[in-house]
């Protein structure tokens, strides 16, 4: 147990320095709630392993470039499997309708996870990895409404060019500044996006989707979406019965992601 406790303390010290950058033994001791002598041994052990460096003039400890090796094998989608998926499954059981997690990839929204196969109310099924047009989906509208202006402009420019290359009118919306502005203002003021009677589905015109954003570290991460049979629910019913639950779960995901 002693060795496990030492490991825990060492990792905690690395976490603290990752945020605070440089610290003295005394400051770290206060942060870890440990005696200075114990803290000194922890920091010096990390120095001997090459993860910390102590400045000889200031006696400040800081991380070395070797710390990057600790994350070299880390899959950044771990947030999906460890945090978001379990809550999405829990949410799907509560609302019955299928739940999806969508994230942007270039000029499309990519389906990262779905409960389609487990939902008794799903009338169409999507495979994870399926891509859908940004401008034709509720999740895409959520994304465009919560990214910086520069990123949004780059995406819209790419969409306009894609429409020209494919001789398709699907992306005409990308060049309509008034329409885009209206979408963004509507999403930001309401906190959600709706795609009614989607034509970009396996059952065109039969299903609609509501989506809310999931943030991590202040930035947009993904969209939490619920697909439903349009004839079964009115917009007001969706707003009253399901929107608060979707937003609650998005908040739970964000809280867990921040731990």
Protein backbone atom coordinates (compact mmCIF):
# COMPACT_ATOMS: atom_id res chain seq x y z
CA UNK A 1 0.00 0.00 0.00
CA UNK A 2 2.91 2.35 0.67
CA UNK A 3 4.13 2.12 -2.92
CA UNK A 4 0.63 2.76 -4.28
CA UNK A 5 0.28 5.81 -2.05
CA UNK A 6 3.62 7.12 -3.28
CA UNK A 7 2.53 6.64 -6.87
CA UNK A 8 -0.68 8.51 -6.18
CA UNK A 9 1.23 11.41 -4.65
CA UNK A 10 3.68 11.54 -7.54
CA UNK A 11 0.92 11.62 -10.13
CA UNK A 12 -0.90 14.30 -8.16
CA UNK A 13 2.26 16.41 -8.15
CA UNK A 14 2.48 16.09 -11.95
CA UNK A 15 -1.18 17.13 -12.28
CA UNK A 16 -0.62 20.20 -10.10
CA UNK A 17 2.49 21.27 -12.02
CA UNK A 18 0.67 20.81 -15.30
CA UNK A 19 -1.62 23.64 -14.16
CA UNK A 20 0.69 25.75 -12.00
CA UNK A 21 3.82 25.28 -14.20
CA UNK A 22 6.50 26.06 -11.58
CA UNK A 23 6.39 25.64 -7.81
CA UNK A 24 8.55 25.55 -4.70
CA UNK A 25 8.60 22.64 -2.29
CA UNK A 26 6.62 24.69 0.23
CA UNK A 27 3.91 25.57 -2.30
CA UNK A 28 3.61 21.96 -3.45
CA UNK A 29 3.47 20.74 0.16
CA UNK A 30 0.50 23.01 0.78
CA UNK A 31 -1.17 21.80 -2.42
CA UNK A 32 -0.71 18.13 -1.51
CA UNK A 33 -1.33 18.64 2.22
CA UNK A 34 1.93 16.86 3.03
CA UNK A 35 5.01 17.67 5.14
CA UNK A 36 7.77 19.52 3.28
CA UNK A 37 10.21 16.65 3.76
CA UNK A 38 7.80 14.15 2.18
CA UNK A 39 7.03 16.54 -0.65
CA UNK A 40 10.73 17.14 -1.26
CA UNK A 41 11.34 13.38 -1.66
CA UNK A 42 8.43 13.09 -4.12
CA UNK A 43 9.70 15.97 -6.25
CA UNK A 44 13.30 14.79 -6.19
CA UNK A 45 12.25 11.26 -7.20
CA UNK A 46 10.38 12.71 -10.16
CA UNK A 47 13.49 14.71 -11.02
CA UNK A 48 15.62 11.56 -10.94
CA UNK A 49 13.16 9.90 -13.33
CA UNK A 50 13.44 12.83 -15.71
CA UNK A 51 9.88 14.14 -15.38
CA UNK A 52 10.76 17.27 -13.38
CA UNK A 53 13.56 19.78 -13.34
CA UNK A 54 14.61 21.96 -10.41
CA UNK A 55 15.98 25.39 -11.21
CA UNK A 56 19.19 25.82 -9.22
CA UNK A 57 18.73 29.57 -8.83
CA UNK A 58 15.05 29.75 -7.85
CA UNK A 59 14.51 26.19 -6.50
CA UNK A 60 11.33 26.05 -8.56
CA UNK A 61 10.23 22.65 -9.86
CA UNK A 62 8.77 22.35 -13.35
CA UNK A 63 7.79 19.69 -15.86
CA UNK A 64 10.25 18.46 -18.48
CA UNK A 65 9.51 17.49 -22.06
CA UNK A 66 9.61 13.83 -21.01
CA UNK A 67 6.14 14.23 -19.50
CA UNK A 68 4.82 14.29 -23.06
CA UNK A 69 5.76 10.63 -23.38
CA UNK A 70 3.10 9.81 -20.81
CA UNK A 71 0.40 10.90 -23.26
CA UNK A 72 1.91 9.55 -26.48
CA UNK A 73 -0.28 6.45 -26.39
CA UNK A 74 -3.38 8.22 -25.15
CA UNK A 75 -6.42 8.09 -27.43
CA UNK A 76 -8.20 11.42 -27.18
CA UNK A 77 -11.52 9.70 -27.83
CA UNK A 78 -11.27 8.20 -24.35
CA UNK A 79 -13.67 10.96 -23.28
CA UNK A 80 -16.28 9.25 -25.42
CA UNK A 81 -16.04 5.73 -24.03
CA UNK A 82 -15.26 6.64 -20.42
CA UNK A 83 -17.58 9.59 -19.84
CA UNK A 84 -20.09 10.30 -22.58
CA UNK A 85 -21.23 6.84 -23.67
CA UNK A 86 -22.42 5.63 -20.23
CA UNK A 87 -24.45 8.80 -19.73
CA UNK A 88 -25.85 8.62 -23.28
CA UNK A 89 -27.04 5.07 -22.63
CA UNK A 90 -28.61 6.19 -19.35
CA UNK A 91 -30.31 9.08 -21.13
CA UNK A 92 -31.66 6.79 -23.87
CA UNK A 93 -33.32 4.60 -21.24
CA UNK A 94 -34.97 7.67 -19.73
CA UNK A 95 -36.33 9.18 -22.96
CA UNK A 96 -36.80 5.92 -24.96
CA UNK A 97 -35.96 7.71 -28.23
CA UNK A 98 -32.55 7.01 -29.85
CA UNK A 99 -29.63 9.15 -28.66
CA UNK A 100 -26.57 10.06 -30.73
CA UNK A 101 -23.23 11.77 -30.16
CA UNK A 102 -22.09 13.77 -33.19
CA UNK A 103 -18.79 15.58 -33.75
CA UNK A 104 -17.47 17.66 -36.66
CA UNK A 105 -14.98 16.29 -39.14
CA UNK A 106 -14.08 18.67 -41.96
CA UNK A 107 -17.36 19.48 -43.77
CA UNK A 108 -19.52 16.80 -42.15
CA UNK A 109 -20.81 15.72 -38.78
CA UNK A 110 -19.64 12.24 -37.82
CA UNK A 111 -21.69 9.82 -35.75
CA UNK A 112 -19.44 8.76 -32.86
CA UNK A 113 -22.01 6.81 -30.87
CA UNK A 114 -25.68 5.88 -31.12
CA UNK A 115 -28.24 3.89 -29.17
CA UNK A 116 -30.30 3.14 -32.31
CA UNK A 117 -30.00 -0.63 -31.94
CA UNK A 118 -31.26 -0.50 -28.36
CA UNK A 119 -34.13 1.93 -28.82
CA UNK A 120 -37.61 0.49 -29.37
CA UNK A 121 -38.62 3.79 -30.97
CA UNK A 122 -35.96 3.86 -33.71
CA UNK A 123 -37.38 3.48 -37.21
CA UNK A 124 -34.03 3.85 -38.93
CA UNK A 125 -30.59 2.69 -37.87
CA UNK A 126 -27.24 4.34 -38.40
CA UNK A 127 -23.80 2.85 -38.04
CA UNK A 128 -21.15 4.63 -36.02
CA UNK A 129 -18.86 6.44 -38.40
CA UNK A 130 -21.71 7.60 -40.62
CA UNK A 131 -21.27 11.18 -41.84
CA UNK A 132 -24.07 13.70 -42.36
CA UNK A 133 -24.02 17.23 -43.84
CA UNK A 134 -23.26 19.98 -41.35
CA UNK A 135 -25.83 22.38 -42.74
CA UNK A 136 -28.60 19.80 -42.97
CA UNK A 137 -28.45 18.51 -39.38
CA UNK A 138 -29.37 19.84 -35.96
CA UNK A 139 -25.96 18.74 -34.69
CA UNK A 140 -24.26 20.67 -37.47
CA UNK A 141 -26.18 23.83 -36.57
CA UNK A 142 -25.12 23.38 -32.96
CA UNK A 143 -21.49 23.08 -34.06
CA UNK A 144 -21.53 26.14 -36.33
CA UNK A 145 -23.17 28.20 -33.59
CA UNK A 146 -20.54 27.43 -30.96
CA UNK A 147 -17.20 27.68 -32.76
CA UNK A 148 -15.08 30.73 -33.41
CA UNK A 149 -15.72 32.97 -36.38
CA UNK A 150 -12.52 31.92 -38.13
CA UNK A 151 -13.30 28.20 -37.95
CA UNK A 152 -16.90 28.78 -39.03
CA UNK A 153 -15.80 30.83 -42.05
CA UNK A 154 -13.32 28.14 -43.10
CA UNK A 155 -16.02 25.47 -42.91
CA UNK A 156 -18.55 27.54 -44.85
CA UNK A 157 -15.97 28.32 -47.54
CA UNK A 158 -15.19 24.61 -47.88
CA UNK A 159 -18.91 23.83 -48.08
CA UNK A 160 -19.47 26.38 -50.84
CA UNK A 161 -16.59 24.92 -52.84
CA UNK A 162 -17.84 21.40 -52.27
CA UNK A 163 -21.24 22.40 -53.61
CA UNK A 164 -19.61 23.75 -56.78
CA UNK A 165 -17.45 20.64 -57.25
CA UNK A 166 -20.37 18.26 -56.83
CA UNK A 167 -22.83 20.36 -58.86
CA UNK A 168 -25.23 20.12 -55.95
CA UNK A 169 -27.57 22.72 -54.49
CA UNK A 170 -27.33 21.01 -51.09
CA UNK A 171 -24.76 23.52 -49.88
CA UNK A 172 -26.32 26.70 -51.26
CA UNK A 173 -27.09 27.63 -47.68
CA UNK A 174 -23.36 28.04 -47.04
CA UNK A 175 -23.34 31.17 -49.19
CA UNK A 176 -26.46 32.66 -47.66
CA UNK A 177 -25.06 34.91 -44.93
CA UNK A 178 -28.49 36.03 -43.78
CA UNK A 179 -29.70 32.45 -43.33
CA UNK A 180 -26.52 31.40 -41.54
CA UNK A 181 -26.76 34.38 -39.20
CA UNK A 182 -30.39 33.46 -38.47
CA UNK A 183 -29.45 29.88 -37.61
CA UNK A 184 -26.69 30.97 -35.25
CA UNK A 185 -28.83 33.57 -33.49
CA UNK A 186 -31.71 31.11 -33.10
CA UNK A 187 -29.49 28.36 -31.67
CA UNK A 188 -27.64 30.65 -29.29
CA UNK A 189 -30.81 32.23 -27.94
CA UNK A 190 -32.65 28.92 -27.45
CA UNK A 191 -29.72 26.70 -26.46
CA UNK A 192 -30.69 23.93 -28.89
CA UNK A 193 -31.21 23.17 -32.58
CA UNK A 194 -34.06 21.41 -34.37
CA UNK A 195 -34.04 19.66 -37.73
CA UNK A 196 -37.68 19.02 -38.59
CA UNK A 197 -38.72 16.24 -40.98
CA UNK A 198 -35.18 15.60 -42.11
CA UNK A 199 -34.75 14.71 -45.76
CA UNK A 200 -31.22 13.47 -45.09
CA UNK A 201 -32.31 10.30 -43.32
CA UNK A 202 -33.09 6.72 -44.18
CA UNK A 203 -36.78 7.53 -43.73
CA UNK A 204 -36.98 10.98 -45.41
CA UNK A 205 -39.51 13.32 -43.86
CA UNK A 206 -40.51 10.97 -41.05
CA UNK A 207 -37.99 11.82 -38.33
CA UNK A 208 -36.85 15.02 -36.67
CA UNK A 209 -33.87 15.71 -34.42
CA UNK A 210 -33.17 17.97 -31.47
CA UNK A 211 -29.57 18.61 -30.44
CA UNK A 212 -27.73 20.42 -27.63
CA UNK A 213 -24.02 21.20 -27.25
CA UNK A 214 -21.44 19.43 -25.09
CA UNK A 215 -18.50 21.62 -24.08
CA UNK A 216 -15.08 20.75 -22.70
CA UNK A 217 -12.67 23.34 -21.29
CA UNK A 218 -14.87 26.10 -22.61
CA UNK A 219 -14.86 24.88 -26.21
CA UNK A 220 -17.33 22.91 -28.32
CA UNK A 221 -16.71 19.16 -28.15
CA UNK A 222 -19.72 17.38 -29.61
CA UNK A 223 -23.49 17.48 -30.00
CA UNK A 224 -25.93 15.39 -27.98
CA UNK A 225 -28.88 14.58 -30.23
CA UNK A 226 -32.22 12.83 -29.90
CA UNK A 227 -34.07 11.58 -32.99
CA UNK A 228 -37.83 11.09 -32.86
CA UNK A 229 -40.82 10.38 -35.12
CA UNK A 230 -42.04 13.80 -36.16
CA UNK A 231 -45.74 12.91 -36.21
CA UNK A 232 -45.56 11.69 -32.61
CA UNK A 233 -44.47 14.94 -30.99
CA UNK A 234 -45.01 18.65 -31.52
CA UNK A 235 -42.21 21.19 -31.11
CA UNK A 236 -43.75 22.44 -27.88
CA UNK A 237 -43.87 18.89 -26.48
CA UNK A 238 -40.21 18.40 -27.37
CA UNK A 239 -39.32 21.65 -25.64
CA UNK A 240 -41.28 20.88 -22.50
CA UNK A 241 -40.77 17.12 -22.09
CA UNK A 242 -37.32 16.44 -23.50
CA UNK A 243 -35.19 19.56 -23.81
CA UNK A 244 -34.59 19.98 -20.04
CA UNK A 245 -33.51 16.33 -19.76
CA UNK A 246 -31.14 16.61 -22.71
CA UNK A 247 -29.58 19.74 -21.26
CA UNK A 248 -29.25 18.13 -17.83
CA UNK A 249 -27.35 15.20 -19.31
CA UNK A 250 -25.16 17.47 -21.40
CA UNK A 251 -24.29 19.30 -18.18
CA UNK A 252 -23.50 15.99 -16.43
CA UNK A 253 -21.18 15.05 -19.28
CA UNK A 254 -19.41 18.39 -19.07
CA UNK A 255 -18.98 18.08 -15.31
CA UNK A 256 -17.52 14.58 -15.62
CA UNK A 257 -15.22 15.71 -18.45
CA UNK A 258 -13.82 18.46 -16.23
CA UNK A 259 -12.78 16.07 -13.45
